[in-house]
Amino acid sequence: MAEIQITGIKKDNGNHYNPHEAVTDYAWTNHSTGNRGLVSRAGAVKWIEEGNKAYVQRVQPRAYCYVNKSVSGTKFLQTFSDTTPSNNLLNLPEV
């Protein structure tokens, strides 16, 4: 099992009922290997569903991600609630 930090997001220009569906890609860093990159929403969902972990580190403790699904059936990443009232993923810088 691997673990990555989500460090940024890339969004399309569409008008989405669910803003998580506007995220097309996630920027990530694997601190144990030093690798970094950009993964599609579908790729990130598959990676989490395979048992790997992703998190957002805006404050302590980390906010870990899980796969959620919109009413239209689109799967996307979302973070478990943490100590911040803001949305951890949607408030990351755009890449």
PDB file of N, CA and C in Angstrom:
ATOM      1  N   MET A   1       0.844  -1.171   0.000  1.00  0.00           N
ATOM      2  CA  MET A   1       0.000   0.000   0.000  1.00  0.00           C
ATOM      3  C   MET A   1       0.893   1.239   0.000  1.00  0.00           C
ATOM      4  N   ALA A   2       0.589   2.165  -0.867  1.00  0.00           N
ATOM      5  CA  ALA A   2       1.340   3.415  -0.971  1.00  0.00           C
ATOM      6  C   ALA A   2       0.497   4.574  -0.447  1.00  0.00           C
ATOM      7  N   GLU A   3       1.177   5.679  -0.167  1.00  0.00           N
ATOM      8  CA  GLU A   3       0.487   6.859   0.354  1.00  0.00           C
ATOM      9  C   GLU A   3       1.040   8.101  -0.344  1.00  0.00           C
ATOM     10  N   ILE A   4       0.131   8.956  -0.818  1.00  0.00           N
ATOM     11  CA  ILE A   4       0.533  10.190  -1.478  1.00  0.00           C
ATOM     12  C   ILE A   4      -0.170  11.378  -0.841  1.00  0.00           C
ATOM     13  N   GLN A   5       0.436  12.532  -1.011  1.00  0.00           N
ATOM     14  CA  GLN A   5      -0.182  13.790  -0.597  1.00  0.00           C
ATOM     15  C   GLN A   5      -0.728  14.468  -1.848  1.00  0.00           C
ATOM     16  N   ILE A   6      -1.988  14.859  -1.816  1.00  0.00           N
ATOM     17  CA  ILE A   6      -2.575  15.636  -2.905  1.00  0.00           C
ATOM     18  C   ILE A   6      -2.181  17.090  -2.654  1.00  0.00           C
ATOM     19  N   THR A   7      -1.510  17.706  -3.642  1.00  0.00           N
ATOM     20  CA  THR A   7      -0.956  19.051  -3.447  1.00  0.00           C
ATOM     21  C   THR A   7      -1.629  20.120  -4.298  1.00  0.00           C
ATOM     22  N   GLY A   8      -2.430  19.712  -5.275  1.00  0.00           N
ATOM     23  CA  GLY A   8      -3.099  20.677  -6.134  1.00  0.00           C
ATOM     24  C   GLY A   8      -4.160  19.987  -6.965  1.00  0.00           C
ATOM     25  N   ILE A   9      -4.988  20.792  -7.629  1.00  0.00           N
ATOM     26  CA  ILE A   9      -6.040  20.251  -8.480  1.00  0.00           C
ATOM     27  C   ILE A   9      -6.064  20.990  -9.808  1.00  0.00           C
ATOM     28  N   LYS A  10      -6.591  20.312 -10.806  1.00  0.00           N
ATOM     29  CA  LYS A  10      -6.814  20.922 -12.118  1.00  0.00           C
ATOM     30  C   LYS A  10      -8.306  20.754 -12.406  1.00  0.00           C
ATOM     31  N   LYS A  11      -8.981  21.850 -12.796  1.00  0.00           N
ATOM     32  CA  LYS A  11     -10.420  21.803 -13.043  1.00  0.00           C
ATOM     33  C   LYS A  11     -10.723  22.119 -14.501  1.00  0.00           C
ATOM     34  N   ASP A  12     -11.834  21.559 -14.978  1.00  0.00           N
ATOM     35  CA  ASP A  12     -12.293  21.942 -16.308  1.00  0.00           C
ATOM     36  C   ASP A  12     -13.137  23.207 -16.183  1.00  0.00           C
ATOM     37  N   ASN A  13     -13.593  23.718 -17.293  1.00  0.00           N
ATOM     38  CA  ASN A  13     -14.335  24.979 -17.277  1.00  0.00           C
ATOM     39  C   ASN A  13     -15.840  24.797 -17.257  1.00  0.00           C
ATOM     40  N   GLY A  14     -16.320  23.579 -17.085  1.00  0.00           N
ATOM     41  CA  GLY A  14     -17.758  23.328 -17.102  1.00  0.00           C
ATOM     42  C   GLY A  14     -18.457  23.811 -15.849  1.00  0.00           C
ATOM     43  N   ASN A  15     -19.759  23.961 -15.965  1.00  0.00           N
ATOM     44  CA  ASN A  15     -20.583  24.338 -14.824  1.00  0.00           C
ATOM     45  C   ASN A  15     -21.128  23.047 -14.229  1.00  0.00           C
ATOM     46  N   HIS A  16     -20.644  22.645 -13.078  1.00  0.00           N
ATOM     47  CA  HIS A  16     -21.020  21.366 -12.488  1.00  0.00           C
ATOM     48  C   HIS A  16     -21.876  21.575 -11.246  1.00  0.00           C
ATOM     49  N   TYR A  17     -22.902  20.763 -11.140  1.00  0.00           N
ATOM     50  CA  TYR A  17     -23.734  20.783  -9.942  1.00  0.00           C
ATOM     51  C   TYR A  17     -22.876  20.457  -8.724  1.00  0.00           C
ATOM     52  N   ASN A  18     -22.001  19.490  -8.875  1.00  0.00           N
ATOM     53  CA  ASN A  18     -21.094  19.088  -7.807  1.00  0.00           C
ATOM     54  C   ASN A  18     -19.700  19.592  -8.171  1.00  0.00           C
ATOM     55  N   PRO A  19     -19.120  20.535  -7.425  1.00  0.00           N
ATOM     56  CA  PRO A  19     -17.807  21.077  -7.794  1.00  0.00           C
ATOM     57  C   PRO A  19     -16.693  20.032  -7.821  1.00  0.00           C
ATOM     58  N   HIS A  20     -16.873  18.917  -7.112  1.00  0.00           N
ATOM     59  CA  HIS A  20     -15.867  17.851  -7.160  1.00  0.00           C
ATOM     60  C   HIS A  20     -15.776  17.259  -8.561  1.00  0.00           C
ATOM     61  N   GLU A  21     -16.886  17.296  -9.327  1.00  0.00           N
ATOM     62  CA  GLU A  21     -16.875  16.764 -10.687  1.00  0.00           C
ATOM     63  C   GLU A  21     -16.085  17.656 -11.641  1.00  0.00           C
ATOM     64  N   ALA A  22     -15.851  18.914 -11.256  1.00  0.00           N
ATOM     65  CA  ALA A  22     -15.059  19.828 -12.088  1.00  0.00           C
ATOM     66  C   ALA A  22     -13.573  19.506 -12.015  1.00  0.00           C
ATOM     67  N   VAL A  23     -13.139  18.765 -11.005  1.00  0.00           N
ATOM     68  CA  VAL A  23     -11.729  18.394 -10.877  1.00  0.00           C
ATOM     69  C   VAL A  23     -11.426  17.301 -11.895  1.00  0.00           C
ATOM     70  N   THR A  24     -10.496  17.591 -12.794  1.00  0.00           N
ATOM     71  CA  THR A  24     -10.118  16.611 -13.813  1.00  0.00           C
ATOM     72  C   THR A  24      -8.867  15.843 -13.431  1.00  0.00           C
ATOM     73  N   ASP A  25      -7.979  16.483 -12.643  1.00  0.00           N
ATOM     74  CA  ASP A  25      -6.698  15.872 -12.277  1.00  0.00           C
ATOM     75  C   ASP A  25      -6.284  16.332 -10.887  1.00  0.00           C
ATOM     76  N   TYR A  26      -5.465  15.516 -10.251  1.00  0.00           N
ATOM     77  CA  TYR A  26      -4.897  15.832  -8.943  1.00  0.00           C
ATOM     78  C   TYR A  26      -3.372  15.817  -9.041  1.00  0.00           C
ATOM     79  N   ALA A  27      -2.724  16.856  -8.534  1.00  0.00           N
ATOM     80  CA  ALA A  27      -1.262  16.859  -8.413  1.00  0.00           C
ATOM     81  C   ALA A  27      -0.922  16.130  -7.116  1.00  0.00           C
ATOM     82  N   TRP A  28       0.129  15.347  -7.129  1.00  0.00           N
ATOM     83  CA  TRP A  28       0.463  14.543  -5.953  1.00  0.00           C
ATOM     84  C   TRP A  28       1.972  14.465  -5.749  1.00  0.00           C
ATOM     85  N   THR A  29       2.335  14.124  -4.509  1.00  0.00           N
ATOM     86  CA  THR A  29       3.724  13.874  -4.124  1.00  0.00           C
ATOM     87  C   THR A  29       3.758  12.634  -3.242  1.00  0.00           C
ATOM     88  N   ASN A  30       4.684  11.736  -3.523  1.00  0.00           N
ATOM     89  CA  ASN A  30       4.939  10.593  -2.655  1.00  0.00           C
ATOM     90  C   ASN A  30       6.211  10.921  -1.886  1.00  0.00           C
ATOM     91  N   HIS A  31       6.072  11.265  -0.612  1.00  0.00           N
ATOM     92  CA  HIS A  31       7.222  11.714   0.173  1.00  0.00           C
ATOM     93  C   HIS A  31       8.220  10.597   0.473  1.00  0.00           C
ATOM     94  N   SER A  32       7.780   9.350   0.429  1.00  0.00           N
ATOM     95  CA  SER A  32       8.722   8.260   0.713  1.00  0.00           C
ATOM     96  C   SER A  32       9.631   7.959  -0.480  1.00  0.00           C
ATOM     97  N   THR A  33       9.183   8.296  -1.706  1.00  0.00           N
ATOM     98  CA  THR A  33      10.006   8.033  -2.888  1.00  0.00           C
ATOM     99  C   THR A  33      10.519   9.304  -3.552  1.00  0.00           C
ATOM    100  N   GLY A  34       9.896  10.435  -3.240  1.00  0.00           N
ATOM    101  CA  GLY A  34      10.249  11.682  -3.891  1.00  0.00           C
ATOM    102  C   GLY A  34       9.560  11.881  -5.233  1.00  0.00           C
ATOM    103  N   ASN A  35       8.764  10.907  -5.647  1.00  0.00           N
ATOM    104  CA  ASN A  35       8.049  11.024  -6.924  1.00  0.00           C
ATOM    105  C   ASN A  35       6.899  12.008  -6.794  1.00  0.00           C
ATOM    106  N   ARG A  36       6.584  12.654  -7.915  1.00  0.00           N
ATOM    107  CA  ARG A  36       5.438  13.555  -7.971  1.00  0.00           C
ATOM    108  C   ARG A  36       4.869  13.493  -9.376  1.00  0.00           C
ATOM    109  N   GLY A  37       3.625  13.933  -9.499  1.00  0.00           N
ATOM    110  CA  GLY A  37       3.017  13.883 -10.823  1.00  0.00           C
ATOM    111  C   GLY A  37       1.602  14.424 -10.812  1.00  0.00           C
ATOM    112  N   LEU A  38       0.901  14.127 -11.884  1.00  0.00           N
ATOM    113  CA  LEU A  38      -0.478  14.545 -12.073  1.00  0.00           C
ATOM    114  C   LEU A  38      -1.246  13.290 -12.473  1.00  0.00           C
ATOM    115  N   VAL A  39      -2.357  13.025 -11.807  1.00  0.00           N
ATOM    116  CA  VAL A  39      -3.158  11.847 -12.106  1.00  0.00           C
ATOM    117  C   VAL A  39      -4.593  12.287 -12.390  1.00  0.00           C
ATOM    118  N   SER A  40      -5.229  11.623 -13.335  1.00  0.00           N
ATOM    119  CA  SER A  40      -6.616  11.945 -13.663  1.00  0.00           C
ATOM    120  C   SER A  40      -7.538  11.588 -12.502  1.00  0.00           C
ATOM    121  N   ARG A  41      -8.737  12.158 -12.520  1.00  0.00           N
ATOM    122  CA  ARG A  41      -9.717  11.833 -11.476  1.00  0.00           C
ATOM    123  C   ARG A  41      -9.980  10.333 -11.470  1.00  0.00           C
ATOM    124  N   ALA A  42     -10.201   9.739 -12.651  1.00  0.00           N
ATOM    125  CA  ALA A  42     -10.463   8.305 -12.722  1.00  0.00           C
ATOM    126  C   ALA A  42      -9.276   7.488 -12.209  1.00  0.00           C
ATOM    127  N   GLY A  43      -8.065   7.923 -12.539  1.00  0.00           N
ATOM    128  CA  GLY A  43      -6.874   7.230 -12.058  1.00  0.00           C
ATOM    129  C   GLY A  43      -6.721   7.303 -10.551  1.00  0.00           C
ATOM    130  N   ALA A  44      -7.030   8.459  -9.977  1.00  0.00           N
ATOM    131  CA  ALA A  44      -6.945   8.616  -8.518  1.00  0.00           C
ATOM    132  C   ALA A  44      -7.996   7.768  -7.815  1.00  0.00           C
ATOM    133  N   VAL A  45      -9.193   7.728  -8.377  1.00  0.00           N
ATOM    134  CA  VAL A  45     -10.261   6.898  -7.803  1.00  0.00           C
ATOM    135  C   VAL A  45      -9.839   5.439  -7.811  1.00  0.00           C
ATOM    136  N   LYS A  46      -9.334   4.967  -8.943  1.00  0.00           N
ATOM    137  CA  LYS A  46      -8.898   3.569  -9.051  1.00  0.00           C
ATOM    138  C   LYS A  46      -7.801   3.262  -8.041  1.00  0.00           C
ATOM    139  N   TRP A  47      -6.861   4.186  -7.896  1.00  0.00           N
ATOM    140  CA  TRP A  47      -5.734   3.997  -6.989  1.00  0.00           C
ATOM    141  C   TRP A  47      -6.216   3.833  -5.543  1.00  0.00           C
ATOM    142  N   ILE A  48      -7.167   4.677  -5.120  1.00  0.00           N
ATOM    143  CA  ILE A  48      -7.734   4.574  -3.762  1.00  0.00           C
ATOM    144  C   ILE A  48      -8.521   3.272  -3.619  1.00  0.00           C
ATOM    145  N   GLU A  49      -9.305   2.937  -4.632  1.00  0.00           N
ATOM    146  CA  GLU A  49     -10.104   1.706  -4.572  1.00  0.00           C
ATOM    147  C   GLU A  49      -9.228   0.459  -4.521  1.00  0.00           C
ATOM    148  N   GLU A  50      -7.990   0.557  -4.967  1.00  0.00           N
ATOM    149  CA  GLU A  50      -7.057  -0.570  -4.891  1.00  0.00           C
ATOM    150  C   GLU A  50      -6.403  -0.686  -3.523  1.00  0.00           C
ATOM    151  N   GLY A  51      -6.761   0.200  -2.583  1.00  0.00           N
ATOM    152  CA  GLY A  51      -6.263   0.088  -1.218  1.00  0.00           C
ATOM    153  C   GLY A  51      -5.160   1.056  -0.841  1.00  0.00           C
ATOM    154  N   ASN A  52      -4.798   1.963  -1.730  1.00  0.00           N
ATOM    155  CA  ASN A  52      -3.784   2.961  -1.426  1.00  0.00           C
ATOM    156  C   ASN A  52      -4.420   4.145  -0.698  1.00  0.00           C
ATOM    157  N   LYS A  53      -3.586   5.036  -0.191  1.00  0.00           N
ATOM    158  CA  LYS A  53      -4.086   6.180   0.573  1.00  0.00           C
ATOM    159  C   LYS A  53      -3.618   7.492  -0.046  1.00  0.00           C
ATOM    160  N   ALA A  54      -4.475   8.504   0.081  1.00  0.00           N
ATOM    161  CA  ALA A  54      -4.135   9.862  -0.331  1.00  0.00           C
ATOM    162  C   ALA A  54      -4.638  10.796   0.759  1.00  0.00           C
ATOM    163  N   TYR A  55      -3.932  11.895   0.949  1.00  0.00           N
ATOM    164  CA  TYR A  55      -4.335  12.844   1.975  1.00  0.00           C
ATOM    165  C   TYR A  55      -4.038  14.264   1.529  1.00  0.00           C
ATOM    166  N   VAL A  56      -4.684  15.208   2.211  1.00  0.00           N
ATOM    167  CA  VAL A  56      -4.422  16.635   2.042  1.00  0.00           C
ATOM    168  C   VAL A  56      -3.865  17.124   3.366  1.00  0.00           C
ATOM    169  N   GLN A  57      -2.754  17.862   3.325  1.00  0.00           N
ATOM    170  CA  GLN A  57      -2.100  18.336   4.540  1.00  0.00           C
ATOM    171  C   GLN A  57      -2.206  19.851   4.601  1.00  0.00           C
ATOM    172  N   ARG A  58      -3.362  20.377   4.965  1.00  0.00           N
ATOM    173  CA  ARG A  58      -3.521  21.825   5.114  1.00  0.00           C
ATOM    174  C   ARG A  58      -3.319  22.221   6.568  1.00  0.00           C
ATOM    175  N   VAL A  59      -3.716  21.365   7.472  1.00  0.00           N
ATOM    176  CA  VAL A  59      -3.531  21.560   8.912  1.00  0.00           C
ATOM    177  C   VAL A  59      -3.245  20.187   9.517  1.00  0.00           C
ATOM    178  N   GLN A  60      -2.967  20.155  10.781  1.00  0.00           N
ATOM    179  CA  GLN A  60      -2.823  18.879  11.488  1.00  0.00           C
ATOM    180  C   GLN A  60      -4.158  18.510  12.089  1.00  0.00           C
ATOM    181  N   PRO A  61      -4.612  17.312  12.083  1.00  0.00           N
ATOM    182  CA  PRO A  61      -4.015  16.159  11.415  1.00  0.00           C
ATOM    183  C   PRO A  61      -4.335  16.165   9.922  1.00  0.00           C
ATOM    184  N   ARG A  62      -3.735  15.246   9.216  1.00  0.00           N
ATOM    185  CA  ARG A  62      -3.997  15.106   7.788  1.00  0.00           C
ATOM    186  C   ARG A  62      -5.475  14.788   7.557  1.00  0.00           C
ATOM    187  N   ALA A  63      -5.976  15.231   6.419  1.00  0.00           N
ATOM    188  CA  ALA A  63      -7.336  14.875   6.009  1.00  0.00           C
ATOM    189  C   ALA A  63      -7.215  13.813   4.919  1.00  0.00           C
ATOM    190  N   TYR A  64      -7.586  12.581   5.232  1.00  0.00           N
ATOM    191  CA  TYR A  64      -7.476  11.492   4.268  1.00  0.00           C
ATOM    192  C   TYR A  64      -8.651  11.507   3.293  1.00  0.00           C
ATOM    193  N   CYS A  65      -8.388  11.019   2.096  1.00  0.00           N
ATOM    194  CA  CYS A  65      -9.381  11.004   1.019  1.00  0.00           C
ATOM    195  C   CYS A  65     -10.117   9.664   0.976  1.00  0.00           C
ATOM    196  N   TYR A  66     -11.327   9.717   0.466  1.00  0.00           N
ATOM    197  CA  TYR A  66     -12.104   8.528   0.166  1.00  0.00           C
ATOM    198  C   TYR A  66     -12.811   8.761  -1.164  1.00  0.00           C
ATOM    199  N   VAL A  67     -13.343   7.698  -1.742  1.00  0.00           N
ATOM    200  CA  VAL A  67     -14.056   7.796  -3.010  1.00  0.00           C
ATOM    201  C   VAL A  67     -15.530   8.022  -2.713  1.00  0.00           C
ATOM    202  N   ASN A  68     -16.089   9.040  -3.340  1.00  0.00           N
ATOM    203  CA  ASN A  68     -17.510   9.344  -3.225  1.00  0.00           C
ATOM    204  C   ASN A  68     -18.086   9.296  -4.634  1.00  0.00           C
ATOM    205  N   LYS A  69     -19.416   9.269  -4.736  1.00  0.00           N
ATOM    206  CA  LYS A  69     -20.068   9.198  -6.039  1.00  0.00           C
ATOM    207  C   LYS A  69     -21.199  10.207  -6.085  1.00  0.00           C
ATOM    208  N   SER A  70     -21.279  10.962  -7.184  1.00  0.00           N
ATOM    209  CA  SER A  70     -22.350  11.939  -7.355  1.00  0.00           C
ATOM    210  C   SER A  70     -23.640  11.234  -7.778  1.00  0.00           C
ATOM    211  N   VAL A  71     -24.738  11.975  -7.781  1.00  0.00           N
ATOM    212  CA  VAL A  71     -26.014  11.395  -8.197  1.00  0.00           C
ATOM    213  C   VAL A  71     -25.968  10.958  -9.663  1.00  0.00           C
ATOM    214  N   SER A  72     -25.090  11.569 -10.453  1.00  0.00           N
ATOM    215  CA  SER A  72     -24.960  11.173 -11.860  1.00  0.00           C
ATOM    216  C   SER A  72     -24.075   9.938 -12.031  1.00  0.00           C
ATOM    217  N   GLY A  73     -23.461   9.471 -10.932  1.00  0.00           N
ATOM    218  CA  GLY A  73     -22.618   8.276 -10.984  1.00  0.00           C
ATOM    219  C   GLY A  73     -21.141   8.541 -11.126  1.00  0.00           C
ATOM    220  N   THR A  74     -20.740   9.814 -11.214  1.00  0.00           N
ATOM    221  CA  THR A  74     -19.330  10.156 -11.342  1.00  0.00           C
ATOM    222  C   THR A  74     -18.621   9.953 -10.009  1.00  0.00           C
ATOM    223  N   LYS A  75     -17.522   9.202 -10.030  1.00  0.00           N
ATOM    224  CA  LYS A  75     -16.732   8.994  -8.815  1.00  0.00           C
ATOM    225  C   LYS A  75     -15.671  10.077  -8.715  1.00  0.00           C
ATOM    226  N   PHE A  76     -15.378  10.504  -7.491  1.00  0.00           N
ATOM    227  CA  PHE A  76     -14.391  11.544  -7.245  1.00  0.00           C
ATOM    228  C   PHE A  76     -13.824  11.374  -5.849  1.00  0.00           C
ATOM    229  N   LEU A  77     -12.724  12.078  -5.567  1.00  0.00           N
ATOM    230  CA  LEU A  77     -12.138  12.046  -4.226  1.00  0.00           C
ATOM    231  C   LEU A  77     -12.759  13.127  -3.369  1.00  0.00           C
ATOM    232  N   GLN A  78     -12.901  12.826  -2.111  1.00  0.00           N
ATOM    233  CA  GLN A  78     -13.361  13.779  -1.112  1.00  0.00           C
ATOM    234  C   GLN A  78     -12.591  13.461   0.169  1.00  0.00           C
ATOM    235  N   THR A  79     -12.456  14.452   1.049  1.00  0.00           N
ATOM    236  CA  THR A  79     -11.732  14.194   2.295  1.00  0.00           C
ATOM    237  C   THR A  79     -12.702  13.978   3.444  1.00  0.00           C
ATOM    238  N   PHE A  80     -12.271  13.142   4.383  1.00  0.00           N
ATOM    239  CA  PHE A  80     -13.014  12.982   5.618  1.00  0.00           C
ATOM    240  C   PHE A  80     -12.962  14.304   6.375  1.00  0.00           C
ATOM    241  N   SER A  81     -13.943  14.579   7.196  1.00  0.00           N
ATOM    242  CA  SER A  81     -13.969  15.813   7.985  1.00  0.00           C
ATOM    243  C   SER A  81     -12.739  15.903   8.868  1.00  0.00           C
ATOM    244  N   ASP A  82     -12.243  17.133   9.019  1.00  0.00           N
ATOM    245  CA  ASP A  82     -11.111  17.370   9.916  1.00  0.00           C
ATOM    246  C   ASP A  82     -11.380  18.643  10.702  1.00  0.00           C
ATOM    247  N   THR A  83     -10.337  19.287  11.146  1.00  0.00           N
ATOM    248  CA  THR A  83     -10.487  20.451  12.024  1.00  0.00           C
ATOM    249  C   THR A  83     -10.780  21.749  11.288  1.00  0.00           C
ATOM    250  N   THR A  84     -10.787  21.725   9.935  1.00  0.00           N
ATOM    251  CA  THR A  84     -11.056  22.949   9.186  1.00  0.00           C
ATOM    252  C   THR A  84     -12.480  22.933   8.635  1.00  0.00           C
ATOM    253  N   PRO A  85     -13.148  24.093   8.620  1.00  0.00           N
ATOM    254  CA  PRO A  85     -14.490  24.140   8.050  1.00  0.00           C
ATOM    255  C   PRO A  85     -14.481  24.207   6.525  1.00  0.00           C
ATOM    256  N   SER A  86     -13.334  24.543   5.938  1.00  0.00           N
ATOM    257  CA  SER A  86     -13.259  24.676   4.485  1.00  0.00           C
ATOM    258  C   SER A  86     -13.041  23.315   3.834  1.00  0.00           C
ATOM    259  N   ASN A  87     -13.258  23.257   2.531  1.00  0.00           N
ATOM    260  CA  ASN A  87     -13.076  22.024   1.790  1.00  0.00           C
ATOM    261  C   ASN A  87     -11.593  21.840   1.480  1.00  0.00           C
ATOM    262  N   ASN A  88     -11.024  20.757   1.938  1.00  0.00           N
ATOM    263  CA  ASN A  88      -9.588  20.524   1.796  1.00  0.00           C
ATOM    264  C   ASN A  88      -9.134  20.406   0.346  1.00  0.00           C
ATOM    265  N   LEU A  89      -9.832  19.631  -0.459  1.00  0.00           N
ATOM    266  CA  LEU A  89      -9.415  19.422  -1.844  1.00  0.00           C
ATOM    267  C   LEU A  89      -9.720  20.624  -2.732  1.00  0.00           C
ATOM    268  N   LEU A  90     -10.917  21.150  -2.632  1.00  0.00           N
ATOM    269  CA  LEU A  90     -11.311  22.238  -3.537  1.00  0.00           C
ATOM    270  C   LEU A  90     -10.587  23.538  -3.239  1.00  0.00           C
ATOM    271  N   ASN A  91      -9.981  23.668  -2.070  1.00  0.00           N
ATOM    272  CA  ASN A  91      -9.233  24.866  -1.736  1.00  0.00           C
ATOM    273  C   ASN A  91      -7.737  24.738  -2.016  1.00  0.00           C
ATOM    274  N   LEU A  92      -7.319  23.627  -2.588  1.00  0.00           N
ATOM    275  CA  LEU A  92      -5.909  23.486  -2.981  1.00  0.00           C
ATOM    276  C   LEU A  92      -5.631  24.379  -4.186  1.00  0.00           C
ATOM    277  N   PRO A  93      -4.376  24.755  -4.397  1.00  0.00           N
ATOM    278  CA  PRO A  93      -4.056  25.585  -5.559  1.00  0.00           C
ATOM    279  C   PRO A  93      -4.315  24.828  -6.855  1.00  0.00           C
ATOM    280  N   GLU A  94      -4.710  25.572  -7.879  1.00  0.00           N
ATOM    281  CA  GLU A  94      -4.905  24.962  -9.196  1.00  0.00           C
ATOM    282  C   GLU A  94      -3.572  24.877  -9.915  1.00  0.00           C
ATOM    283  N   VAL A  95      -3.369  23.750 -10.606  1.00  0.00           N
ATOM    284  CA  VAL A  95      -2.124  23.505 -11.345  1.00  0.00           C
ATOM    285  C   VAL A  95      -2.350  23.615 -12.838  1.00  0.00           C
TER     286      VAL A  95
END
